[in-house]
Amino acid sequence: MKKIAIIIVLVVSLHANITFDNITSSFKQTITNDMNQTITYKGEIFVDDDRVLWEYQEPIVKSVLVKDSKVFITEPEIYQMSVINHDEGINLKKIYEDSTMVEKNMREVVFDGTPMRLTIGKEFIDTITFKDKLDNQIEIVFFDIRKKKISEERFQVDIPEAFDVIYR
């Protein structure tokens, strides 16, 4: 019984510093295809428990809101919003919680059939790497991580009147 209590304390302490409440971070997402061609996206991410908002700023402006097992992709340059149902949602907290430690500060998980590797920092995930279903190598690097109260308005879904809405 004493050994079980020690194991529980160790497991809890390994997760103690990682939070998914009111986290704001810059990110850089690099996608490399099988011909070694690369595109890099930059932006800000806002995480509050199981809600995540990715605001892409370069090379295009778009937002991806993950909320309530739905993904809302807003692309102002083409006046379009896509609404995608996703059984599990693309939930960073769940991805982290389902991952297993493979070495210090390194975790692995299979999410939606895709193996992922997470590098863990002091308060949040530092990097996520995986190969997508199109065989592209994806690396997402988080930096300038801040714990900051995020306004509820940030996670609201507003469909501009002039936008086409695609439901998938």
C-alpha atoms as a PDB file:
ATOM      1  CA  MET A   1       0.000   0.000   0.000  1.00  0.00           C
ATOM      2  CA  LYS A   2       2.852   2.354   0.846  1.00  0.00           C
ATOM      3  CA  LYS A   3       4.428   1.707  -2.586  1.00  0.00           C
ATOM      4  CA  ILE A   4       1.163   2.583  -4.337  1.00  0.00           C
ATOM      5  CA  ALA A   5       0.946   5.884  -2.438  1.00  0.00           C
ATOM      6  CA  ILE A   6       4.542   6.736  -3.429  1.00  0.00           C
ATOM      7  CA  ILE A   7       3.823   5.939  -7.089  1.00  0.00           C
ATOM      8  CA  ILE A   8       0.693   8.133  -7.044  1.00  0.00           C
ATOM      9  CA  VAL A   9       2.665  11.025  -5.514  1.00  0.00           C
ATOM     10  CA  LEU A  10       5.379  10.629  -8.184  1.00  0.00           C
ATOM     11  CA  VAL A  11       2.861  10.553 -11.037  1.00  0.00           C
ATOM     12  CA  VAL A  12       1.003  13.605  -9.694  1.00  0.00           C
ATOM     13  CA  SER A  13       4.272  15.516  -9.229  1.00  0.00           C
ATOM     14  CA  LEU A  14       5.277  14.788 -12.821  1.00  0.00           C
ATOM     15  CA  HIS A  15       2.091  16.539 -13.981  1.00  0.00           C
ATOM     16  CA  ALA A  16       2.047  19.239 -11.304  1.00  0.00           C
ATOM     17  CA  ASN A  17       3.571  22.078 -13.324  1.00  0.00           C
ATOM     18  CA  ILE A  18       1.769  21.518 -16.628  1.00  0.00           C
ATOM     19  CA  THR A  19      -1.397  23.559 -16.915  1.00  0.00           C
ATOM     20  CA  PHE A  20      -4.057  24.037 -19.555  1.00  0.00           C
ATOM     21  CA  ASP A  21      -5.875  26.875 -17.823  1.00  0.00           C
ATOM     22  CA  ASN A  22      -5.437  30.386 -19.202  1.00  0.00           C
ATOM     23  CA  ILE A  23      -2.283  29.772 -21.231  1.00  0.00           C
ATOM     24  CA  THR A  24      -1.279  32.122 -24.043  1.00  0.00           C
ATOM     25  CA  SER A  25       1.714  31.368 -26.250  1.00  0.00           C
ATOM     26  CA  SER A  26       3.290  32.233 -29.553  1.00  0.00           C
ATOM     27  CA  PHE A  27       3.774  29.290 -31.894  1.00  0.00           C
ATOM     28  CA  LYS A  28       5.639  28.364 -35.047  1.00  0.00           C
ATOM     29  CA  GLN A  29       4.250  25.464 -37.093  1.00  0.00           C
ATOM     30  CA  THR A  30       6.531  23.995 -39.739  1.00  0.00           C
ATOM     31  CA  ILE A  31       5.175  21.573 -42.331  1.00  0.00           C
ATOM     32  CA  THR A  32       7.654  19.650 -44.487  1.00  0.00           C
ATOM     33  CA  ASN A  33       6.405  17.450 -47.322  1.00  0.00           C
ATOM     34  CA  ASP A  34       8.039  14.311 -48.738  1.00  0.00           C
ATOM     35  CA  MET A  35       9.905  16.453 -51.324  1.00  0.00           C
ATOM     36  CA  ASN A  36      11.478  18.436 -48.458  1.00  0.00           C
ATOM     37  CA  GLN A  37       9.460  21.585 -49.271  1.00  0.00           C
ATOM     38  CA  THR A  38       8.623  23.576 -46.163  1.00  0.00           C
ATOM     39  CA  ILE A  39       6.007  26.121 -45.172  1.00  0.00           C
ATOM     40  CA  THR A  40       6.061  27.872 -41.807  1.00  0.00           C
ATOM     41  CA  TYR A  41       3.058  29.357 -40.048  1.00  0.00           C
ATOM     42  CA  LYS A  42       3.294  31.706 -37.062  1.00  0.00           C
ATOM     43  CA  GLY A  43       0.723  32.938 -34.616  1.00  0.00           C
ATOM     44  CA  GLU A  44      -0.708  32.881 -31.113  1.00  0.00           C
ATOM     45  CA  ILE A  45      -2.497  30.126 -29.245  1.00  0.00           C
ATOM     46  CA  PHE A  46      -4.968  30.571 -26.388  1.00  0.00           C
ATOM     47  CA  VAL A  47      -5.726  27.545 -24.204  1.00  0.00           C
ATOM     48  CA  ASP A  48      -8.339  27.339 -21.469  1.00  0.00           C
ATOM     49  CA  ASP A  49      -8.926  23.788 -20.283  1.00  0.00           C
ATOM     50  CA  ASP A  50     -10.451  21.961 -23.276  1.00  0.00           C
ATOM     51  CA  ARG A  51     -10.899  25.059 -25.479  1.00  0.00           C
ATOM     52  CA  VAL A  52      -8.108  26.058 -27.830  1.00  0.00           C
ATOM     53  CA  LEU A  53      -7.884  28.999 -30.227  1.00  0.00           C
ATOM     54  CA  TRP A  54      -5.084  29.078 -32.801  1.00  0.00           C
ATOM     55  CA  GLU A  55      -4.739  32.544 -34.383  1.00  0.00           C
ATOM     56  CA  TYR A  56      -2.505  32.233 -37.437  1.00  0.00           C
ATOM     57  CA  GLN A  57      -0.838  35.514 -38.432  1.00  0.00           C
ATOM     58  CA  GLU A  58       1.749  34.474 -41.061  1.00  0.00           C
ATOM     59  CA  PRO A  59       1.878  33.730 -43.973  1.00  0.00           C
ATOM     60  CA  ILE A  60      -1.943  33.872 -43.957  1.00  0.00           C
ATOM     61  CA  VAL A  61      -4.488  35.075 -41.432  1.00  0.00           C
ATOM     62  CA  LYS A  62      -6.905  32.458 -40.144  1.00  0.00           C
ATOM     63  CA  SER A  63      -8.198  31.106 -36.863  1.00  0.00           C
ATOM     64  CA  VAL A  64      -8.923  27.593 -35.673  1.00  0.00           C
ATOM     65  CA  LEU A  65     -11.180  27.317 -32.624  1.00  0.00           C
ATOM     66  CA  VAL A  66     -11.557  23.931 -30.931  1.00  0.00           C
ATOM     67  CA  LYS A  67     -14.582  23.900 -28.667  1.00  0.00           C
ATOM     68  CA  ASP A  68     -17.259  21.396 -27.648  1.00  0.00           C
ATOM     69  CA  SER A  69     -16.076  18.609 -30.000  1.00  0.00           C
ATOM     70  CA  LYS A  70     -16.218  21.005 -32.943  1.00  0.00           C
ATOM     71  CA  VAL A  71     -13.518  22.746 -34.915  1.00  0.00           C
ATOM     72  CA  PHE A  72     -14.307  26.176 -36.383  1.00  0.00           C
ATOM     73  CA  ILE A  73     -11.867  27.297 -39.076  1.00  0.00           C
ATOM     74  CA  THR A  74     -12.253  30.950 -40.090  1.00  0.00           C
ATOM     75  CA  GLU A  75     -10.426  32.087 -43.236  1.00  0.00           C
ATOM     76  CA  PRO A  76     -11.117  35.794 -43.785  1.00  0.00           C
ATOM     77  CA  GLU A  77      -9.082  36.013 -46.993  1.00  0.00           C
ATOM     78  CA  ILE A  78     -11.549  33.697 -48.751  1.00  0.00           C
ATOM     79  CA  TYR A  79     -14.650  34.692 -46.720  1.00  0.00           C
ATOM     80  CA  GLN A  80     -15.178  31.182 -45.442  1.00  0.00           C
ATOM     81  CA  MET A  81     -15.817  29.326 -42.200  1.00  0.00           C
ATOM     82  CA  SER A  82     -15.649  25.546 -41.905  1.00  0.00           C
ATOM     83  CA  VAL A  83     -17.386  23.779 -39.042  1.00  0.00           C
ATOM     84  CA  ILE A  84     -16.102  20.275 -38.441  1.00  0.00           C
ATOM     85  CA  ASN A  85     -17.537  17.759 -35.995  1.00  0.00           C
ATOM     86  CA  HIS A  86     -14.820  15.824 -34.242  1.00  0.00           C
ATOM     87  CA  ASP A  87     -15.734  13.090 -31.764  1.00  0.00           C
ATOM     88  CA  GLU A  88     -12.860  13.793 -29.398  1.00  0.00           C
ATOM     89  CA  GLY A  89     -12.158  17.346 -30.472  1.00  0.00           C
ATOM     90  CA  ILE A  90      -8.524  18.241 -30.957  1.00  0.00           C
ATOM     91  CA  ASN A  91      -7.960  18.709 -27.278  1.00  0.00           C
ATOM     92  CA  LEU A  92      -4.380  19.515 -26.200  1.00  0.00           C
ATOM     93  CA  LYS A  93      -5.196  18.677 -22.600  1.00  0.00           C
ATOM     94  CA  LYS A  94      -6.527  15.237 -23.564  1.00  0.00           C
ATOM     95  CA  ILE A  95      -3.557  14.613 -25.872  1.00  0.00           C
ATOM     96  CA  TYR A  96      -1.232  15.396 -22.972  1.00  0.00           C
ATOM     97  CA  GLU A  97      -3.201  13.364 -20.423  1.00  0.00           C
ATOM     98  CA  ASP A  98      -3.344  10.335 -22.747  1.00  0.00           C
ATOM     99  CA  SER A  99       0.401  10.503 -23.466  1.00  0.00           C
ATOM    100  CA  THR A 100       2.984   8.384 -21.707  1.00  0.00           C
ATOM    101  CA  MET A 101       6.427   9.435 -20.593  1.00  0.00           C
ATOM    102  CA  VAL A 102       9.174   7.808 -22.690  1.00  0.00           C
ATOM    103  CA  GLU A 103      12.073   9.784 -21.226  1.00  0.00           C
ATOM    104  CA  LYS A 104      12.543  12.905 -19.146  1.00  0.00           C
ATOM    105  CA  ASN A 105      10.446  15.767 -20.618  1.00  0.00           C
ATOM    106  CA  MET A 106       9.404  13.562 -23.572  1.00  0.00           C
ATOM    107  CA  ARG A 107       5.981  11.989 -23.993  1.00  0.00           C
ATOM    108  CA  GLU A 108       4.286  10.003 -26.772  1.00  0.00           C
ATOM    109  CA  VAL A 109       0.656   9.466 -27.677  1.00  0.00           C
ATOM    110  CA  VAL A 110      -1.424   8.151 -30.565  1.00  0.00           C
ATOM    111  CA  PHE A 111      -4.203  10.637 -31.293  1.00  0.00           C
ATOM    112  CA  ASP A 112      -6.830   9.897 -33.924  1.00  0.00           C
ATOM    113  CA  GLY A 113      -4.531   7.207 -35.358  1.00  0.00           C
ATOM    114  CA  THR A 114      -1.528   9.570 -35.542  1.00  0.00           C
ATOM    115  CA  PRO A 115       1.560   8.973 -33.360  1.00  0.00           C
ATOM    116  CA  MET A 116       2.746  12.211 -31.733  1.00  0.00           C
ATOM    117  CA  ARG A 117       5.764  13.191 -29.669  1.00  0.00           C
ATOM    118  CA  LEU A 118       5.532  15.963 -27.076  1.00  0.00           C
ATOM    119  CA  THR A 119       8.457  17.759 -25.488  1.00  0.00           C
ATOM    120  CA  ILE A 120       7.409  19.125 -22.119  1.00  0.00           C
ATOM    121  CA  GLY A 121       8.621  22.396 -20.639  1.00  0.00           C
ATOM    122  CA  LYS A 122       8.224  23.876 -17.168  1.00  0.00           C
ATOM    123  CA  GLU A 123       4.589  24.984 -17.527  1.00  0.00           C
ATOM    124  CA  PHE A 124       3.355  23.806 -20.915  1.00  0.00           C
ATOM    125  CA  ILE A 125       4.176  21.743 -23.963  1.00  0.00           C
ATOM    126  CA  ASP A 126       7.332  23.041 -25.721  1.00  0.00           C
ATOM    127  CA  THR A 127       6.965  21.107 -29.003  1.00  0.00           C
ATOM    128  CA  ILE A 128       4.652  18.656 -30.742  1.00  0.00           C
ATOM    129  CA  THR A 129       5.941  16.598 -33.678  1.00  0.00           C
ATOM    130  CA  PHE A 130       4.058  14.133 -35.852  1.00  0.00           C
ATOM    131  CA  LYS A 131       3.495  12.945 -39.398  1.00  0.00           C
ATOM    132  CA  ASP A 132       0.036  13.785 -40.746  1.00  0.00           C
ATOM    133  CA  LYS A 133      -2.176  11.580 -42.917  1.00  0.00           C
ATOM    134  CA  LEU A 134      -0.649  13.160 -46.071  1.00  0.00           C
ATOM    135  CA  ASP A 135       2.846  12.098 -44.920  1.00  0.00           C
ATOM    136  CA  ASN A 136       3.894  15.662 -44.070  1.00  0.00           C
ATOM    137  CA  GLN A 137       6.238  16.102 -41.114  1.00  0.00           C
ATOM    138  CA  ILE A 138       4.707  18.622 -38.676  1.00  0.00           C
ATOM    139  CA  GLU A 139       6.542  20.443 -35.912  1.00  0.00           C
ATOM    140  CA  ILE A 140       4.805  22.944 -33.637  1.00  0.00           C
ATOM    141  CA  VAL A 141       7.040  24.952 -31.317  1.00  0.00           C
ATOM    142  CA  PHE A 142       5.524  26.978 -28.472  1.00  0.00           C
ATOM    143  CA  PHE A 143       7.431  29.948 -27.050  1.00  0.00           C
ATOM    144  CA  ASP A 144       6.803  33.072 -24.972  1.00  0.00           C
ATOM    145  CA  ILE A 145       4.378  31.022 -22.874  1.00  0.00           C
ATOM    146  CA  ARG A 146       2.309  33.107 -20.452  1.00  0.00           C
ATOM    147  CA  LYS A 147      -0.312  32.299 -17.855  1.00  0.00           C
ATOM    148  CA  LYS A 148      -2.892  35.017 -18.374  1.00  0.00           C
ATOM    149  CA  LYS A 149      -6.665  35.224 -17.906  1.00  0.00           C
ATOM    150  CA  ILE A 150      -8.316  34.775 -21.303  1.00  0.00           C
ATOM    151  CA  SER A 151     -11.559  36.586 -22.044  1.00  0.00           C
ATOM    152  CA  GLU A 152     -14.584  34.368 -22.689  1.00  0.00           C
ATOM    153  CA  GLU A 153     -15.227  36.440 -25.819  1.00  0.00           C
ATOM    154  CA  ARG A 154     -12.095  34.975 -27.386  1.00  0.00           C
ATOM    155  CA  PHE A 155     -13.772  31.567 -27.515  1.00  0.00           C
ATOM    156  CA  GLN A 156     -17.069  32.803 -28.990  1.00  0.00           C
ATOM    157  CA  VAL A 157     -18.051  31.711 -32.481  1.00  0.00           C
ATOM    158  CA  ASP A 158     -19.054  34.640 -34.655  1.00  0.00           C
ATOM    159  CA  ILE A 159     -19.950  33.921 -38.260  1.00  0.00           C
ATOM    160  CA  PRO A 160     -19.595  37.066 -40.361  1.00  0.00           C
ATOM    161  CA  GLU A 161     -22.624  37.642 -42.566  1.00  0.00           C
ATOM    162  CA  ALA A 162     -20.649  37.679 -45.831  1.00  0.00           C
ATOM    163  CA  PHE A 163     -18.924  34.318 -45.146  1.00  0.00           C
ATOM    164  CA  ASP A 164     -19.780  30.999 -46.712  1.00  0.00           C
ATOM    165  CA  VAL A 165     -20.157  28.308 -44.060  1.00  0.00           C
ATOM    166  CA  ILE A 166     -19.164  24.753 -44.836  1.00  0.00           C
ATOM    167  CA  TYR A 167     -20.280  21.969 -42.493  1.00  0.00           C
ATOM    168  CA  ARG A 168     -18.232  18.775 -42.569  1.00  0.00           C
END
